[in-house]
Amino acid sequence: MITETGKVVALKGDRVWVQTIRASACQSCVARNGCGQKVLAAATGGRANQILVTNTVNARVGDEVTIGIDEQALLGASLVVYAIPLILMVVASVFGHHLSGGQDLAAMLSAAGGLALGFLVVRILQRRGTTDYEPRLVRVNRISSENCL
């Protein structure tokens, strides 16, 4: 499970808004010089990010919480978001090129249409309401007052 620590900033029914600060692991990474993630992390400047998650651990505003997402869910979501539009773009490009008798313009227009269709398919899949790919609250990081002197 991939986890991140954040702070509950608001309640919304049975869900909570959790604010996290984007952190970069570039300093400890071996491939930091050949990766674009370092540039992306530097460009964002460690800005805050907010996410709405189901409040399964009875968190309150101000609580520090740990949110997590299963590695397989993250891999599946990445595959859906990236692979479907790219596959439809390539298939539409080949199809448009074949139907037009080898015209490059038709292949390019078909590729753009296939990419747009891929984004639409991903959007429809996202709206189906599956919670398999959503992060969830793992725990509230409270210090019990019984242990304090």
C-alpha atoms as a PDB file:
ATOM      1  CA  MET A   1       0.000   0.000   0.000  1.00  0.00           C
ATOM      2  CA  ILE A   2       1.240   3.469  -0.883  1.00  0.00           C
ATOM      3  CA  THR A   3       0.568   5.895   1.969  1.00  0.00           C
ATOM      4  CA  GLU A   4       0.746   9.638   2.535  1.00  0.00           C
ATOM      5  CA  THR A   5       0.207  11.717   5.641  1.00  0.00           C
ATOM      6  CA  GLY A   6      -2.181  14.659   5.546  1.00  0.00           C
ATOM      7  CA  LYS A   7      -4.385  16.877   7.667  1.00  0.00           C
ATOM      8  CA  VAL A   8      -8.189  16.922   7.697  1.00  0.00           C
ATOM      9  CA  VAL A   9      -9.276  20.427   6.687  1.00  0.00           C
ATOM     10  CA  ALA A  10     -13.050  20.004   6.252  1.00  0.00           C
ATOM     11  CA  LEU A  11     -15.936  17.591   6.690  1.00  0.00           C
ATOM     12  CA  LYS A  12     -18.498  16.933   3.968  1.00  0.00           C
ATOM     13  CA  GLY A  13     -21.142  14.450   5.095  1.00  0.00           C
ATOM     14  CA  ASP A  14     -19.517  11.051   5.466  1.00  0.00           C
ATOM     15  CA  ARG A  15     -16.373  12.239   3.651  1.00  0.00           C
ATOM     16  CA  VAL A  16     -13.447  14.450   4.633  1.00  0.00           C
ATOM     17  CA  TRP A  17     -11.140  16.778   2.735  1.00  0.00           C
ATOM     18  CA  VAL A  18      -7.514  15.835   3.442  1.00  0.00           C
ATOM     19  CA  GLN A  19      -4.706  18.241   2.591  1.00  0.00           C
ATOM     20  CA  THR A  20      -1.284  16.840   1.762  1.00  0.00           C
ATOM     21  CA  ILE A  21       1.933  18.518   0.704  1.00  0.00           C
ATOM     22  CA  ARG A  22       3.532  17.137  -2.408  1.00  0.00           C
ATOM     23  CA  ALA A  23       6.931  15.767  -1.573  1.00  0.00           C
ATOM     24  CA  SER A  24       9.621  14.679  -3.947  1.00  0.00           C
ATOM     25  CA  ALA A  25      11.842  11.685  -3.385  1.00  0.00           C
ATOM     26  CA  CYS A  26      14.290  12.871  -6.013  1.00  0.00           C
ATOM     27  CA  GLN A  27      17.159  13.429  -3.604  1.00  0.00           C
ATOM     28  CA  SER A  28      17.352   9.732  -2.719  1.00  0.00           C
ATOM     29  CA  CYS A  29      16.629   8.375  -6.193  1.00  0.00           C
ATOM     30  CA  VAL A  30      19.424   6.851  -8.278  1.00  0.00           C
ATOM     31  CA  ALA A  31      17.835   7.923 -11.584  1.00  0.00           C
ATOM     32  CA  ARG A  32      17.236  11.554 -10.569  1.00  0.00           C
ATOM     33  CA  ASN A  33      19.412  13.011 -13.335  1.00  0.00           C
ATOM     34  CA  GLY A  34      17.590  11.202 -16.142  1.00  0.00           C
ATOM     35  CA  CYS A  35      14.030  11.637 -14.925  1.00  0.00           C
ATOM     36  CA  GLY A  36      11.477  14.372 -15.607  1.00  0.00           C
ATOM     37  CA  GLN A  37       9.880  13.978 -12.170  1.00  0.00           C
ATOM     38  CA  LYS A  38      12.637  16.130 -10.618  1.00  0.00           C
ATOM     39  CA  VAL A  39      11.774  19.013 -12.931  1.00  0.00           C
ATOM     40  CA  LEU A  40       8.059  18.571 -12.213  1.00  0.00           C
ATOM     41  CA  ALA A  41       8.624  18.584  -8.437  1.00  0.00           C
ATOM     42  CA  ALA A  42      10.753  21.715  -8.686  1.00  0.00           C
ATOM     43  CA  ALA A  43       8.106  23.449 -10.803  1.00  0.00           C
ATOM     44  CA  THR A  44       5.254  22.751  -8.382  1.00  0.00           C
ATOM     45  CA  GLY A  45       7.229  24.007  -5.397  1.00  0.00           C
ATOM     46  CA  GLY A  46       5.702  21.545  -2.906  1.00  0.00           C
ATOM     47  CA  ARG A  47       2.196  22.977  -3.162  1.00  0.00           C
ATOM     48  CA  ALA A  48      -0.663  21.646  -1.096  1.00  0.00           C
ATOM     49  CA  ASN A  49      -3.034  19.127  -2.609  1.00  0.00           C
ATOM     50  CA  GLN A  50      -6.534  18.325  -1.318  1.00  0.00           C
ATOM     51  CA  ILE A  51      -8.400  15.072  -1.763  1.00  0.00           C
ATOM     52  CA  LEU A  52     -11.910  13.989  -0.770  1.00  0.00           C
ATOM     53  CA  VAL A  53     -12.006  10.553   0.895  1.00  0.00           C
ATOM     54  CA  THR A  54     -14.609   8.538   2.777  1.00  0.00           C
ATOM     55  CA  ASN A  55     -14.303   9.049   6.543  1.00  0.00           C
ATOM     56  CA  THR A  56     -13.966   5.423   7.665  1.00  0.00           C
ATOM     57  CA  VAL A  57     -11.903   6.172  10.793  1.00  0.00           C
ATOM     58  CA  ASN A  58     -14.050   8.933  12.360  1.00  0.00           C
ATOM     59  CA  ALA A  59     -11.533  11.696  11.662  1.00  0.00           C
ATOM     60  CA  ARG A  60     -12.229  15.278  12.738  1.00  0.00           C
ATOM     61  CA  VAL A  61     -11.077  18.625  11.384  1.00  0.00           C
ATOM     62  CA  GLY A  62      -7.471  19.209  12.415  1.00  0.00           C
ATOM     63  CA  ASP A  63      -6.589  15.513  12.753  1.00  0.00           C
ATOM     64  CA  GLU A  64      -3.439  14.227  11.108  1.00  0.00           C
ATOM     65  CA  VAL A  65      -4.379  11.163   9.081  1.00  0.00           C
ATOM     66  CA  THR A  66      -2.742   8.603   6.861  1.00  0.00           C
ATOM     67  CA  ILE A  67      -4.359   7.963   3.487  1.00  0.00           C
ATOM     68  CA  GLY A  68      -3.413   5.055   1.280  1.00  0.00           C
ATOM     69  CA  ILE A  69      -4.070   3.386  -2.013  1.00  0.00           C
ATOM     70  CA  ASP A  70      -3.325  -0.183  -3.000  1.00  0.00           C
ATOM     71  CA  GLU A  71      -0.480  -0.590  -5.499  1.00  0.00           C
ATOM     72  CA  GLN A  72      -2.629  -2.760  -7.781  1.00  0.00           C
ATOM     73  CA  ALA A  73      -5.393  -0.142  -7.793  1.00  0.00           C
ATOM     74  CA  LEU A  74      -2.898   2.564  -8.721  1.00  0.00           C
ATOM     75  CA  LEU A  75      -1.478   0.399 -11.500  1.00  0.00           C
ATOM     76  CA  GLY A  76      -4.981  -0.404 -12.796  1.00  0.00           C
ATOM     77  CA  ALA A  77      -6.051   3.242 -12.736  1.00  0.00           C
ATOM     78  CA  SER A  78      -2.875   4.296 -14.556  1.00  0.00           C
ATOM     79  CA  LEU A  79      -3.455   1.642 -17.174  1.00  0.00           C
ATOM     80  CA  VAL A  80      -7.032   2.784 -17.749  1.00  0.00           C
ATOM     81  CA  VAL A  81      -6.194   6.500 -17.885  1.00  0.00           C
ATOM     82  CA  TYR A  82      -3.170   6.196 -20.174  1.00  0.00           C
ATOM     83  CA  ALA A  83      -3.618   3.012 -22.209  1.00  0.00           C
ATOM     84  CA  ILE A  84      -7.204   3.398 -23.410  1.00  0.00           C
ATOM     85  CA  PRO A  85      -6.712   6.824 -25.074  1.00  0.00           C
ATOM     86  CA  LEU A  86      -3.374   5.799 -26.599  1.00  0.00           C
ATOM     87  CA  ILE A  87      -4.662   2.516 -27.962  1.00  0.00           C
ATOM     88  CA  LEU A  88      -7.737   4.182 -29.471  1.00  0.00           C
ATOM     89  CA  MET A  89      -5.529   6.908 -30.961  1.00  0.00           C
ATOM     90  CA  VAL A  90      -3.262   4.383 -32.682  1.00  0.00           C
ATOM     91  CA  VAL A  91      -6.127   2.204 -33.899  1.00  0.00           C
ATOM     92  CA  ALA A  92      -8.015   5.230 -35.262  1.00  0.00           C
ATOM     93  CA  SER A  93      -4.864   6.526 -36.954  1.00  0.00           C
ATOM     94  CA  VAL A  94      -4.223   3.221 -38.721  1.00  0.00           C
ATOM     95  CA  PHE A  95      -7.900   2.920 -39.635  1.00  0.00           C
ATOM     96  CA  GLY A  96      -8.031   6.498 -41.022  1.00  0.00           C
ATOM     97  CA  HIS A  97      -4.809   6.002 -42.955  1.00  0.00           C
ATOM     98  CA  HIS A  98      -6.111   2.778 -44.479  1.00  0.00           C
ATOM     99  CA  LEU A  99      -9.551   4.172 -45.393  1.00  0.00           C
ATOM    100  CA  SER A 100      -8.140   7.327 -46.990  1.00  0.00           C
ATOM    101  CA  GLY A 101      -5.754   5.446 -49.234  1.00  0.00           C
ATOM    102  CA  GLY A 102      -2.624   6.534 -47.383  1.00  0.00           C
ATOM    103  CA  GLN A 103      -3.370  10.197 -46.743  1.00  0.00           C
ATOM    104  CA  ASP A 104      -1.400  11.535 -43.759  1.00  0.00           C
ATOM    105  CA  LEU A 105      -3.926  14.255 -42.986  1.00  0.00           C
ATOM    106  CA  ALA A 106      -6.693  11.685 -42.611  1.00  0.00           C
ATOM    107  CA  ALA A 107      -4.461   9.627 -40.326  1.00  0.00           C
ATOM    108  CA  MET A 108      -3.725  12.667 -38.151  1.00  0.00           C
ATOM    109  CA  LEU A 109      -7.370  13.697 -37.928  1.00  0.00           C
ATOM    110  CA  SER A 110      -8.379  10.120 -37.133  1.00  0.00           C
ATOM    111  CA  ALA A 111      -5.687   9.956 -34.441  1.00  0.00           C
ATOM    112  CA  ALA A 112      -7.027  13.128 -32.827  1.00  0.00           C
ATOM    113  CA  GLY A 113     -10.561  11.720 -32.977  1.00  0.00           C
ATOM    114  CA  GLY A 114      -9.421   8.413 -31.476  1.00  0.00           C
ATOM    115  CA  LEU A 115      -7.631  10.221 -28.660  1.00  0.00           C
ATOM    116  CA  ALA A 116     -10.736  12.293 -27.921  1.00  0.00           C
ATOM    117  CA  LEU A 117     -12.851   9.130 -27.958  1.00  0.00           C
ATOM    118  CA  GLY A 118     -10.369   7.513 -25.568  1.00  0.00           C
ATOM    119  CA  PHE A 119     -10.697  10.421 -23.135  1.00  0.00           C
ATOM    120  CA  LEU A 120     -14.489  10.139 -23.378  1.00  0.00           C
ATOM    121  CA  VAL A 121     -14.379   6.399 -22.648  1.00  0.00           C
ATOM    122  CA  VAL A 122     -12.156   7.008 -19.596  1.00  0.00           C
ATOM    123  CA  ARG A 123     -14.555   9.716 -18.388  1.00  0.00           C
ATOM    124  CA  ILE A 124     -17.523   7.344 -18.723  1.00  0.00           C
ATOM    125  CA  LEU A 125     -15.658   4.617 -16.842  1.00  0.00           C
ATOM    126  CA  GLN A 126     -14.789   7.134 -14.124  1.00  0.00           C
ATOM    127  CA  ARG A 127     -18.435   8.136 -13.661  1.00  0.00           C
ATOM    128  CA  ARG A 128     -19.607   4.562 -13.131  1.00  0.00           C
ATOM    129  CA  GLY A 129     -18.983   5.120  -9.445  1.00  0.00           C
ATOM    130  CA  THR A 130     -16.503   2.339  -8.728  1.00  0.00           C
ATOM    131  CA  THR A 131     -14.449   2.984  -5.604  1.00  0.00           C
ATOM    132  CA  ASP A 132     -11.735   0.459  -6.454  1.00  0.00           C
ATOM    133  CA  TYR A 133      -9.292   3.171  -7.498  1.00  0.00           C
ATOM    134  CA  GLU A 134      -9.996   5.652  -4.694  1.00  0.00           C
ATOM    135  CA  PRO A 135      -7.598   6.267  -1.830  1.00  0.00           C
ATOM    136  CA  ARG A 136      -8.939   5.559   1.626  1.00  0.00           C
ATOM    137  CA  LEU A 137      -8.246   6.665   5.171  1.00  0.00           C
ATOM    138  CA  VAL A 138      -5.971   4.167   6.871  1.00  0.00           C
ATOM    139  CA  ARG A 139      -5.746   5.687  10.359  1.00  0.00           C
ATOM    140  CA  VAL A 140      -5.889   8.832  12.442  1.00  0.00           C
ATOM    141  CA  ASN A 141      -2.482   9.745  13.835  1.00  0.00           C
ATOM    142  CA  ARG A 142      -3.663  10.893  17.260  1.00  0.00           C
ATOM    143  CA  ILE A 143      -1.581  10.889  20.418  1.00  0.00           C
ATOM    144  CA  SER A 144      -3.712   9.576  23.248  1.00  0.00           C
ATOM    145  CA  SER A 145      -3.922  11.945  26.225  1.00  0.00           C
ATOM    146  CA  GLU A 146      -3.646   8.940  28.555  1.00  0.00           C
ATOM    147  CA  ASN A 147      -0.022   8.468  27.508  1.00  0.00           C
ATOM    148  CA  CYS A 148       0.924  12.108  28.102  1.00  0.00           C
ATOM    149  CA  LEU A 149       2.018  13.379  31.491  1.00  0.00           C
END
